[in-house]
Protein backbone atom coordinates (compact mmCIF):
# COMPACT_ATOMS: atom_id res chain seq x y z
CA MET A 1 103.75 70.22 87.07
CA MET A 2 106.79 72.55 86.25
CA ASN A 3 109.05 73.90 89.15
CA ARG A 4 110.19 76.80 87.62
CA PHE A 5 110.16 78.62 90.79
CA THR A 6 111.90 76.46 93.23
CA ASN A 7 113.91 78.16 95.59
CA LYS A 8 112.41 81.44 94.51
CA THR A 9 110.93 84.02 96.18
CA VAL A 10 108.12 86.21 94.49
CA LEU A 11 105.93 89.13 95.45
CA VAL A 12 102.49 89.62 94.39
CA THR A 13 100.71 92.99 95.32
CA GLY A 14 97.09 92.79 95.32
CA GLY A 15 97.60 88.93 95.80
CA ASN A 16 94.45 88.44 98.18
CA SER A 17 91.83 88.06 95.10
CA GLY A 18 91.34 87.75 91.24
CA ILE A 19 94.20 87.44 89.00
CA GLY A 20 96.66 88.16 91.75
CA LEU A 21 95.28 85.42 93.92
CA ALA A 22 95.17 83.04 91.39
CA THR A 23 98.96 83.96 90.29
CA ALA A 24 100.31 83.49 93.45
CA ILE A 25 98.45 79.90 93.94
CA GLN A 26 100.32 79.07 90.58
CA TYR A 27 103.77 80.37 91.75
CA ALA A 28 103.15 78.15 94.92
CA GLN A 29 102.56 75.08 92.83
CA GLU A 30 105.64 75.53 90.98
CA GLY A 31 107.72 75.91 94.02
CA ALA A 32 108.10 79.26 95.07
CA ARG A 33 107.79 81.12 98.38
CA VAL A 34 105.03 83.63 97.95
CA VAL A 35 104.86 87.03 99.46
CA ILE A 36 101.35 88.53 98.99
CA THR A 37 100.17 92.06 99.98
CA GLY A 38 96.45 93.52 100.05
CA ARG A 39 94.54 96.16 101.79
CA ASP A 40 92.35 93.81 103.93
CA GLN A 41 93.81 91.59 106.72
CA ALA A 42 90.86 89.11 106.50
CA THR A 43 90.99 88.39 102.90
CA LEU A 44 94.86 87.90 103.12
CA GLU A 45 94.53 85.62 105.66
CA GLN A 46 91.93 83.41 103.54
CA ALA A 47 94.36 83.67 100.71
CA LYS A 48 97.21 82.58 102.74
CA THR A 49 95.49 79.51 103.31
CA LEU A 50 94.79 78.88 99.95
CA ILE A 51 97.83 79.35 98.53
CA GLY A 52 99.77 77.28 101.13
CA ALA A 53 102.22 77.24 103.97
CA ASN A 54 104.94 78.76 102.30
CA THR A 55 103.10 82.30 101.92
CA ILE A 56 103.89 85.50 103.68
CA ALA A 57 100.70 87.78 103.70
CA LEU A 58 101.32 91.68 104.50
CA GLN A 59 99.03 94.06 104.77
CA ASN A 60 99.85 97.19 102.46
CA ASP A 61 98.17 99.80 100.61
CA GLN A 62 99.82 100.66 97.30
CA GLY A 63 97.71 103.62 96.99
CA ASP A 64 99.53 105.21 100.25
CA ILE A 65 102.83 106.35 99.12
CA LYS A 66 104.43 105.64 102.55
CA ALA A 67 103.60 101.80 102.08
CA ALA A 68 106.08 101.03 99.22
CA ALA A 69 109.01 102.00 101.90
CA GLU A 70 107.33 100.23 104.80
CA LEU A 71 106.91 96.96 102.56
CA ALA A 72 110.79 97.22 101.48
CA ARG A 73 111.70 97.40 105.29
CA THR A 74 109.57 94.56 106.32
CA LEU A 75 111.04 92.30 103.57
CA THR A 76 114.78 93.57 104.35
CA GLU A 77 114.29 92.57 108.22
CA GLN A 78 112.83 89.49 106.98
CA GLY A 79 116.22 88.65 104.86
CA ILE A 80 113.93 88.46 101.82
CA LYS A 81 115.07 88.87 98.17
CA LEU A 82 112.99 88.84 95.23
CA ASP A 83 112.92 86.79 91.97
CA ALA A 84 109.91 88.16 90.69
CA ILE A 85 107.20 91.15 91.34
CA PHE A 86 103.80 90.90 89.86
CA LEU A 87 102.45 94.35 90.46
CA ASN A 88 98.94 93.26 90.35
CA ALA A 89 97.19 95.87 92.81
CA GLY A 90 94.86 98.32 91.26
CA VAL A 91 91.68 100.03 91.13
CA ALA A 92 89.35 100.47 88.30
CA LYS A 93 86.67 103.10 88.63
CA PHE A 94 84.64 103.73 85.62
CA ALA A 95 82.54 106.92 84.71
CA PRO A 96 81.58 109.23 81.98
CA LEU A 97 83.36 112.03 81.49
CA PRO A 98 81.05 115.00 83.28
CA ASP A 99 80.69 112.46 86.16
CA ILE A 100 84.71 112.27 86.72
CA ASP A 101 85.80 114.10 89.90
CA GLU A 102 89.09 114.57 91.38
CA ALA A 103 88.82 111.88 94.20
CA LEU A 104 88.34 109.39 91.32
CA TRP A 105 91.07 110.47 89.57
CA ASP A 106 93.64 110.53 92.60
CA GLN A 107 92.63 107.44 93.81
CA THR A 108 93.11 105.96 90.15
CA PHE A 109 96.22 107.49 89.58
CA ASN A 110 97.78 106.95 93.28
CA VAL A 111 97.19 103.26 93.14
CA ASN A 112 97.39 102.37 89.83
CA VAL A 113 100.56 104.50 88.62
CA LYS A 114 102.06 106.30 91.81
CA GLY A 115 101.80 103.50 93.87
CA ALA A 116 103.45 100.81 91.32
CA PHE A 117 106.36 103.42 90.50
CA PHE A 118 107.45 104.00 93.89
CA THR A 119 106.92 100.22 95.08
CA ILE A 120 109.24 99.49 92.08
CA GLN A 121 111.53 102.08 93.35
CA ALA A 122 111.56 100.60 97.03
CA LEU A 123 112.07 97.00 95.87
CA THR A 124 114.73 97.41 93.45
CA PRO A 125 117.60 96.81 95.86
CA LEU A 126 115.87 93.61 96.88
CA LEU A 127 116.05 92.22 93.51
CA ASN A 128 118.43 89.40 92.69
CA PRO A 129 120.18 89.39 89.12
CA GLY A 130 117.78 88.12 86.76
CA ALA A 131 114.47 89.01 88.51
CA ALA A 132 111.44 89.80 86.22
CA ILE A 133 108.99 92.43 87.13
CA VAL A 134 105.54 91.90 85.69
CA LEU A 135 103.01 94.75 85.47
CA ASN A 136 99.35 94.35 85.29
CA GLY A 137 98.22 96.73 82.52
CA SER A 138 94.75 96.68 80.55
CA ILE A 139 93.82 96.68 76.95
CA ASN A 140 91.82 99.72 78.02
CA ALA A 141 94.98 101.58 77.15
CA HIS A 142 94.20 100.86 73.57
CA ILE A 143 90.68 100.70 72.62
CA GLY A 144 89.11 103.74 73.61
CA MET A 145 86.00 102.64 75.52
CA PRO A 146 83.57 105.33 76.48
CA SER A 147 83.73 105.70 80.79
CA SER A 148 87.11 104.32 80.84
CA SER A 149 89.23 107.19 80.34
CA VAL A 150 90.59 107.80 83.93
CA TYR A 151 91.38 104.17 84.31
CA ALA A 152 92.77 103.71 80.59
CA ALA A 153 95.21 106.32 81.16
CA SER A 154 96.76 104.94 84.32
CA LYS A 155 97.47 101.52 82.69
CA ALA A 156 98.94 103.50 79.46
CA ALA A 157 101.24 104.87 82.23
CA LEU A 158 102.12 101.27 83.20
CA ILE A 159 102.93 100.22 79.70
CA SER A 160 105.24 103.21 79.42
CA PHE A 161 107.11 102.17 82.59
CA ALA A 162 107.65 98.57 80.97
CA LYS A 163 110.17 100.51 78.45
CA THR A 164 111.74 103.15 80.29
CA LEU A 165 112.33 100.96 83.73
CA SER A 166 113.74 97.95 81.50
CA ALA A 167 116.01 100.51 80.13
CA GLU A 168 116.96 101.91 83.56
CA LEU A 169 117.08 98.15 85.28
CA LEU A 170 118.55 96.29 82.47
CA PRO A 171 122.21 96.81 83.84
CA LEU A 172 121.16 94.98 87.35
CA GLY A 173 119.90 92.28 85.01
CA VAL A 174 116.17 92.95 85.79
CA ARG A 175 113.37 92.71 83.06
CA VAL A 176 110.12 94.87 83.33
CA ASN A 177 107.05 93.71 81.03
CA VAL A 178 103.62 94.14 81.30
CA VAL A 179 100.79 91.69 80.88
CA SER A 180 97.60 93.42 79.31
CA PRO A 181 94.65 91.32 80.11
CA GLY A 182 91.07 92.03 78.20
CA PRO A 183 87.85 91.26 80.12
CA VAL A 184 88.30 88.51 82.76
CA SER A 185 85.84 87.24 85.33
CA THR A 186 87.23 88.62 88.63
CA PRO A 187 85.79 90.26 91.81
CA LEU A 188 86.87 93.64 90.27
CA TYR A 189 83.66 93.69 88.13
CA GLY A 190 81.96 94.07 91.21
CA ARG A 191 83.79 97.10 92.25
CA LEU A 192 83.22 99.16 89.44
CA GLY A 193 80.61 101.23 91.39
CA MET A 194 77.76 100.05 89.14
CA GLU A 195 74.57 98.56 90.02
CA THR A 196 74.18 94.86 89.27
CA ALA A 197 71.60 95.37 86.03
CA GLN A 198 74.38 97.66 84.65
CA LEU A 199 77.09 95.54 85.25
CA GLU A 200 75.09 92.60 83.58
CA GLN A 201 74.39 94.72 80.68
CA MET A 202 77.85 95.97 80.42
CA ALA A 203 79.23 92.36 80.52
CA LYS A 204 77.02 91.31 77.81
CA ALA A 205 77.71 94.28 75.55
CA ILE A 206 81.70 93.47 76.42
CA GLN A 207 81.41 89.65 75.63
CA GLU A 208 80.08 90.43 72.21
CA GLN A 209 83.02 92.35 71.62
CA ILE A 210 85.22 89.39 72.04
CA PRO A 211 86.20 87.19 69.18
CA LEU A 212 85.94 84.13 71.69
CA ASN A 213 82.84 85.35 72.96
CA ARG A 214 83.76 84.76 76.50
CA PHE A 215 85.81 86.52 79.17
CA GLY A 216 89.03 85.51 80.25
CA THR A 217 89.79 83.51 83.71
CA SER A 218 91.97 84.68 86.51
CA GLU A 219 93.98 81.11 86.00
CA GLU A 220 94.51 81.85 82.60
CA LEU A 221 96.07 85.33 83.26
CA ALA A 222 97.98 83.83 85.81
CA LYS A 223 99.56 81.51 83.46
CA THR A 224 100.89 83.99 81.04
CA VAL A 225 102.10 85.98 84.14
CA LEU A 226 104.35 82.90 85.23
CA PHE A 227 105.68 82.70 81.81
CA MET A 228 106.57 86.41 81.46
CA SER A 229 108.29 86.15 85.19
CA SER A 230 110.18 82.81 84.65
CA THR A 231 113.27 82.15 82.33
CA ASP A 232 111.14 81.18 79.66
CA SER A 233 110.74 84.54 79.07
CA ALA A 234 114.57 85.46 79.33
CA PHE A 235 114.54 87.23 75.60
CA ILE A 236 111.31 89.56 76.13
CA VAL A 237 112.19 92.99 77.58
CA GLY A 238 109.87 95.97 77.77
CA THR A 239 107.02 94.36 76.07
CA GLU A 240 103.19 94.28 76.55
CA LEU A 241 101.70 91.03 76.23
CA ILE A 242 97.94 91.24 75.19
CA ALA A 243 95.73 88.46 76.77
CA ASP A 244 92.13 89.61 75.29
CA GLY A 245 90.57 86.58 73.28
CA GLY A 246 91.33 88.87 70.28
CA MET A 247 89.34 91.66 71.42
CA SER A 248 91.72 94.60 70.91
CA GLN A 249 93.64 92.65 67.81
CA LEU A 250 90.81 91.75 65.41
């Protein structure tokens, strides 16, 4: 077991389930003090137990613009500086063009884009030199999948931030990159607003498009995030790393 994060503090937004939780667990296994955020207090407490004693769990809704300042204030009061941030919190609502309403649009962009941006803005003063920010993107930004238009556009915005914010934050010694997963088996799939039969049909159709012929796992994505937020990737800046079993590549 490597210990790349000994004596380091990392923050994972949406660290109470799926890729976020898997990443938080791996950070802790490599010696980090881990701060996780999420909307649901009960799952935050469960996650804290899974991650370990050196965990701080904070209820925080990335879709609420005031939440970013509150998070920064709480961390500042506790004297916490950050060595890595994994901006993982996000929503995925899929619907065909005629069915998309303003509420779906606003929820998606408020959490995935606005929330992510203002979280970075609020936390920048708390970043140690050499810190890394990893954004959770998606190959949906590239592949033109039907019913994913709003979600895909929100992830394309994050990929753009990796470049522009890298340029702005490099003088502070901070790197920004994106990890864009393909299909991963996570609880998010249960929250797409579809019936079970619809979901199973969609999953089967998606799996047939993956050259590896399987979904990725949260643990695989977590390993990728740890690499991108450790000094192992110190020469990688403003880049998108795609982990999708070849789906968007072959």
